[in-house]
């Protein structure tokens, strides 16, 4: 089975490494030519293991029989969308972004078979050729357009762990709600996931945000019980959330596709979430 992974951040490098280890053909599409050159020379190092993966910054090398996994962050997605439109690729595509605001962009793609997914692995980029696997998890996928059968081979890759879900909105919105609870608090307070439980004031804020989300989205009780939130914080206690990692690196945070999307989706005012959003936007502008 062949894959083209678009994006060589933490999720892209981890995904490429796992697929290569499983015996798949993998090509990594990077944004910067110099990163592609380094990966071709050094391979991708993951927790002491090195996988030699072909990399390039051009799209002409994508095989016609490859699944395309798009792993770039929301802010880089418009550039990828234009590439997909102009290259007229017929490959099945899986989008692995945080949030849901990008879904509107995908409606205008010419490709027929499109899926979206959430990544439950923990990954931390430590350089252009290094990624740390901070927590083993699952890729959960759901259909957005086309034929579900085109994606079912993904469920049989040994060691990668893909699961199919029938409801894309339910799958993606659960992850959005989880991100609303963990990401902004860890980014604002500059703390690890586990400190949301051990710091009494952070824990109080976590409970308050959950209560606020419950008032707007009662389905959170079934989608994401509070006990699951605390269990995840405990199991990833030493992890740095993606939003905090972006903040520390001086990158643009995924505030719109996570927080603003949720604020707009709600029929009610979400004052705590709105405050978090504007505080982090103010930090970002600085």
Protein backbone atom coordinates (compact mmCIF):
# COMPACT_ATOMS: atom_id res chain seq x y z
CA UNK A 1 0.00 0.00 0.00
CA UNK A 2 1.36 3.43 -0.94
CA UNK A 3 1.00 6.74 0.89
CA UNK A 4 1.85 10.38 0.33
CA UNK A 5 1.98 12.35 3.58
CA UNK A 6 1.54 16.09 3.05
CA UNK A 7 3.13 18.00 5.89
CA UNK A 8 6.26 17.16 7.86
CA UNK A 9 5.35 18.42 11.31
CA UNK A 10 4.92 16.17 14.32
CA UNK A 11 1.85 14.30 13.02
CA UNK A 12 3.21 14.03 9.48
CA UNK A 13 6.58 12.62 10.51
CA UNK A 14 5.03 10.25 13.05
CA UNK A 15 2.50 8.98 10.50
CA UNK A 16 5.14 8.53 7.81
CA UNK A 17 7.39 6.67 10.26
CA UNK A 18 4.63 4.33 11.47
CA UNK A 19 3.50 3.51 7.93
CA UNK A 20 7.05 2.87 6.76
CA UNK A 21 7.64 0.60 9.74
CA UNK A 22 4.49 -1.32 8.74
CA UNK A 23 6.00 -2.02 5.33
CA UNK A 24 4.07 0.57 3.30
CA UNK A 25 5.48 2.71 0.52
CA UNK A 26 5.72 6.25 1.86
CA UNK A 27 6.58 9.61 0.32
CA UNK A 28 6.66 12.72 2.50
CA UNK A 29 5.78 16.11 1.00
CA UNK A 30 7.44 18.94 2.91
CA UNK A 31 6.84 22.66 2.73
CA UNK A 32 10.56 23.51 2.76
CA UNK A 33 13.01 21.94 0.29
CA UNK A 34 15.77 21.96 2.91
CA UNK A 35 13.73 19.74 5.22
CA UNK A 36 13.15 17.27 2.38
CA UNK A 37 16.91 17.21 1.70
CA UNK A 38 17.69 16.47 5.35
CA UNK A 39 15.08 13.69 5.56
CA UNK A 40 16.45 12.09 2.39
CA UNK A 41 19.95 12.19 3.84
CA UNK A 42 19.25 11.30 7.49
CA UNK A 43 15.86 9.58 7.54
CA UNK A 44 13.26 10.23 10.23
CA UNK A 45 14.29 9.41 13.79
CA UNK A 46 11.50 8.29 16.12
CA UNK A 47 12.47 7.33 19.65
CA UNK A 48 15.84 5.98 18.58
CA UNK A 49 14.61 4.22 15.43
CA UNK A 50 15.42 5.62 11.99
CA UNK A 51 13.17 5.13 8.98
CA UNK A 52 14.51 6.13 5.58
CA UNK A 53 11.67 7.81 3.73
CA UNK A 54 11.65 9.58 0.39
CA UNK A 55 10.83 13.26 0.77
CA UNK A 56 10.31 16.15 -1.63
CA UNK A 57 8.73 19.59 -1.65
CA UNK A 58 6.99 18.94 -4.98
CA UNK A 59 3.72 17.14 -5.64
CA UNK A 60 4.66 15.62 -8.98
CA UNK A 61 6.11 12.57 -7.23
CA UNK A 62 2.81 11.41 -5.67
CA UNK A 63 1.95 7.95 -7.09
CA UNK A 64 -1.50 7.61 -8.64
CA UNK A 65 -2.27 4.61 -6.42
CA UNK A 66 -1.31 6.32 -3.13
CA UNK A 67 -3.56 7.41 -0.31
CA UNK A 68 -2.91 11.07 0.47
CA UNK A 69 -2.82 12.01 4.16
CA UNK A 70 -2.92 15.77 4.73
CA UNK A 71 -1.39 16.55 8.12
CA UNK A 72 -0.62 20.28 7.91
CA UNK A 73 -2.12 22.65 10.46
CA UNK A 74 -5.23 24.67 9.69
CA UNK A 75 -3.31 27.83 8.80
CA UNK A 76 -1.37 26.05 6.04
CA UNK A 77 -4.39 24.30 4.58
CA UNK A 78 -5.42 26.92 1.95
CA UNK A 79 -2.09 26.39 0.16
CA UNK A 80 -2.65 22.62 0.15
CA UNK A 81 -6.22 23.03 -1.11
CA UNK A 82 -4.96 25.03 -4.08
CA UNK A 83 -2.39 22.33 -4.83
CA UNK A 84 -5.07 19.64 -4.77
CA UNK A 85 -7.26 21.66 -7.11
CA UNK A 86 -4.50 22.48 -9.59
CA UNK A 87 -2.91 19.02 -9.71
CA UNK A 88 -6.21 17.24 -10.49
CA UNK A 89 -5.20 14.23 -8.40
CA UNK A 90 -7.77 11.44 -8.21
CA UNK A 91 -6.27 9.81 -5.09
CA UNK A 92 -8.40 9.19 -2.01
CA UNK A 93 -7.54 11.85 0.58
CA UNK A 94 -7.62 11.83 4.38
CA UNK A 95 -7.49 15.15 6.25
CA UNK A 96 -6.01 15.00 9.77
CA UNK A 97 -6.50 18.49 11.17
CA UNK A 98 -7.55 19.72 14.59
CA UNK A 99 -10.84 21.58 14.67
CA UNK A 100 -13.66 21.73 12.13
CA UNK A 101 -13.52 25.12 10.45
CA UNK A 102 -11.58 23.60 7.56
CA UNK A 103 -14.51 21.40 6.50
CA UNK A 104 -16.06 24.21 4.47
CA UNK A 105 -12.88 24.44 2.37
CA UNK A 106 -13.06 20.75 1.52
CA UNK A 107 -16.51 21.02 -0.06
CA UNK A 108 -15.01 22.65 -3.15
CA UNK A 109 -12.36 20.04 -3.89
CA UNK A 110 -12.59 18.14 -7.20
CA UNK A 111 -11.51 14.85 -5.59
CA UNK A 112 -14.38 12.38 -5.15
CA UNK A 113 -13.21 10.32 -2.18
CA UNK A 114 -12.47 12.37 0.93
CA UNK A 115 -12.28 11.35 4.58
CA UNK A 116 -11.38 13.18 7.76
CA UNK A 117 -9.87 11.85 10.93
CA UNK A 118 -8.55 12.52 14.37
CA UNK A 119 -5.13 11.44 15.62
CA UNK A 120 -5.07 10.11 19.16
CA UNK A 121 -1.32 9.53 19.18
CA UNK A 122 0.89 11.97 21.01
CA UNK A 123 3.70 13.42 18.92
CA UNK A 124 6.31 16.11 19.46
CA UNK A 125 8.52 17.46 16.69
CA UNK A 126 12.09 17.85 17.92
CA UNK A 127 13.71 18.97 14.67
CA UNK A 128 13.44 18.64 10.91
CA UNK A 129 14.18 14.91 11.08
CA UNK A 130 13.22 13.98 14.66
CA UNK A 131 9.83 13.21 16.18
CA UNK A 132 9.06 11.86 19.64
CA UNK A 133 6.14 9.45 20.05
CA UNK A 134 4.73 10.67 23.37
CA UNK A 135 1.66 8.47 23.48
CA UNK A 136 0.33 5.52 21.47
CA UNK A 137 -3.20 5.85 20.17
CA UNK A 138 -5.46 5.36 17.17
CA UNK A 139 -6.31 7.06 13.89
CA UNK A 140 -10.10 7.38 13.77
CA UNK A 141 -11.50 8.10 10.30
CA UNK A 142 -14.89 8.94 8.83
CA UNK A 143 -16.23 9.62 5.35
CA UNK A 144 -16.88 13.15 4.12
CA UNK A 145 -17.52 12.38 0.45
CA UNK A 146 -17.39 9.46 -1.97
CA UNK A 147 -17.16 5.73 -1.44
CA UNK A 148 -16.44 4.34 2.01
CA UNK A 149 -15.03 1.16 0.44
CA UNK A 150 -12.07 3.10 -0.95
CA UNK A 151 -10.80 3.71 2.59
CA UNK A 152 -11.40 0.32 4.19
CA UNK A 153 -7.91 -1.03 3.28
CA UNK A 154 -6.53 1.48 5.81
CA UNK A 155 -8.06 -0.56 8.62
CA UNK A 156 -5.79 -3.54 7.91
CA UNK A 157 -2.33 -2.00 8.31
CA UNK A 158 -0.52 -3.91 11.04
CA UNK A 159 0.79 -1.78 13.87
CA UNK A 160 -0.74 1.52 12.78
CA UNK A 161 -4.20 1.26 14.31
CA UNK A 162 -6.92 2.80 12.14
CA UNK A 163 -10.60 2.62 13.04
CA UNK A 164 -13.60 3.63 10.94
CA UNK A 165 -16.43 5.75 12.36
CA UNK A 166 -19.83 6.21 10.74
CA UNK A 167 -20.51 9.82 11.79
CA UNK A 168 -17.88 12.38 10.80
CA UNK A 169 -19.49 15.27 12.66
CA UNK A 170 -19.70 13.29 15.88
CA UNK A 171 -16.10 12.11 15.55
CA UNK A 172 -14.62 15.52 14.80
CA UNK A 173 -16.77 17.51 17.23
CA UNK A 174 -15.80 15.24 20.12
CA UNK A 175 -12.15 16.07 19.42
CA UNK A 176 -13.02 19.79 19.15
CA UNK A 177 -14.68 19.69 22.57
CA UNK A 178 -11.68 17.89 24.05
CA UNK A 179 -9.33 20.46 22.53
CA UNK A 180 -11.48 23.29 23.95
CA UNK A 181 -11.03 21.84 27.41
CA UNK A 182 -7.31 21.07 27.39
CA UNK A 183 -5.57 23.27 24.83
CA UNK A 184 -6.47 26.84 25.81
CA UNK A 185 -5.96 26.26 29.53
CA UNK A 186 -2.56 24.64 29.09
CA UNK A 187 -1.53 27.37 26.64
CA UNK A 188 -2.67 30.22 28.88
CA UNK A 189 -1.15 28.77 32.05
CA UNK A 190 1.94 27.26 30.35
CA UNK A 191 1.41 23.92 32.06
CA UNK A 192 1.52 20.24 31.07
CA UNK A 193 -1.69 18.27 30.64
CA UNK A 194 -1.39 16.59 34.02
CA UNK A 195 -1.25 19.89 35.86
CA UNK A 196 -4.87 20.50 34.89
CA UNK A 197 -5.58 17.89 37.58
CA UNK A 198 -2.83 18.55 40.12
CA UNK A 199 -3.21 22.35 40.19
CA UNK A 200 -6.39 23.03 42.16
CA UNK A 201 -7.11 26.32 40.38
CA UNK A 202 -6.50 24.88 36.92
CA UNK A 203 -8.79 21.96 37.80
CA UNK A 204 -11.52 24.37 38.88
CA UNK A 205 -11.22 26.17 35.54
CA UNK A 206 -11.36 22.85 33.70
CA UNK A 207 -14.62 21.96 35.47
CA UNK A 208 -16.05 25.41 34.74
CA UNK A 209 -15.32 25.13 31.03
CA UNK A 210 -16.89 21.68 30.91
CA UNK A 211 -20.04 23.02 32.63
CA UNK A 212 -20.20 25.89 30.15
CA UNK A 213 -19.85 23.53 27.19
CA UNK A 214 -22.51 21.24 28.67
CA UNK A 215 -24.98 24.14 28.83
CA UNK A 216 -24.51 24.75 25.09
CA UNK A 217 -23.97 21.16 23.95
CA UNK A 218 -25.72 18.69 26.29
CA UNK A 219 -24.56 15.88 24.00
CA UNK A 220 -21.08 16.30 25.52
CA UNK A 221 -22.31 14.10 28.38
CA UNK A 222 -22.47 11.15 25.97
CA UNK A 223 -19.73 12.23 23.56
CA UNK A 224 -17.12 13.13 26.16
CA UNK A 225 -17.95 12.44 29.83
CA UNK A 226 -15.86 14.51 32.23
CA UNK A 227 -14.27 11.32 33.55
CA UNK A 228 -12.80 10.69 30.09
CA UNK A 229 -11.30 14.17 30.09
CA UNK A 230 -9.59 13.64 33.44
CA UNK A 231 -8.44 10.16 32.43
CA UNK A 232 -6.81 11.58 29.31
CA UNK A 233 -5.13 14.36 31.31
CA UNK A 234 -3.73 11.73 33.65
CA UNK A 235 -2.56 9.37 30.89
CA UNK A 236 -0.84 12.26 29.04
CA UNK A 237 0.30 14.03 32.20
CA UNK A 238 3.76 14.85 30.90
CA UNK A 239 2.62 15.93 27.44
CA UNK A 240 2.65 19.46 26.06
CA UNK A 241 -0.59 20.27 24.25
CA UNK A 242 -0.33 21.27 20.59
CA UNK A 243 -1.56 24.78 21.38
CA UNK A 244 1.05 25.29 24.08
CA UNK A 245 3.74 23.87 21.78
CA UNK A 246 2.75 26.37 19.09
CA UNK A 247 2.76 29.21 21.61
CA UNK A 248 6.21 28.30 22.94
CA UNK A 249 7.59 28.03 19.39
CA UNK A 250 6.13 31.38 18.39
CA UNK A 251 3.84 29.75 15.81
CA UNK A 252 0.26 30.74 15.09
CA UNK A 253 -2.09 28.79 17.35
CA UNK A 254 -5.15 26.94 16.06
CA UNK A 255 -7.54 29.29 17.83
CA UNK A 256 -10.08 29.87 15.08
CA UNK A 257 -10.67 26.29 14.00
CA UNK A 258 -11.05 25.09 17.61
CA UNK A 259 -12.28 27.90 19.87
CA UNK A 260 -13.92 30.28 17.41
CA UNK A 261 -15.64 27.39 15.63
CA UNK A 262 -17.14 26.20 18.92
CA UNK A 263 -18.20 29.70 19.91
CA UNK A 264 -19.96 30.15 16.56
CA UNK A 265 -21.56 26.70 16.66
CA UNK A 266 -23.20 27.40 20.02
CA UNK A 267 -26.64 28.99 20.22
CA UNK A 268 -25.65 30.45 23.57
CA UNK A 269 -22.89 32.79 24.71
CA UNK A 270 -19.80 31.00 25.99
CA UNK A 271 -18.15 33.74 28.09
CA UNK A 272 -15.28 31.65 29.49
CA UNK A 273 -14.34 30.25 26.11
CA UNK A 274 -14.63 33.70 24.54
CA UNK A 275 -12.29 35.09 27.21
CA UNK A 276 -9.75 32.33 26.54
CA UNK A 277 -9.99 33.01 22.81
CA UNK A 278 -9.33 36.74 23.11
CA UNK A 279 -6.57 36.30 25.71
CA UNK A 280 -4.72 33.92 23.42
CA UNK A 281 -5.31 36.12 20.38
CA UNK A 282 -3.79 39.02 22.34
CA UNK A 283 -0.77 36.85 23.21
CA UNK A 284 -0.44 35.84 19.56
CA UNK A 285 -0.44 39.45 18.36
CA UNK A 286 2.37 40.28 20.76
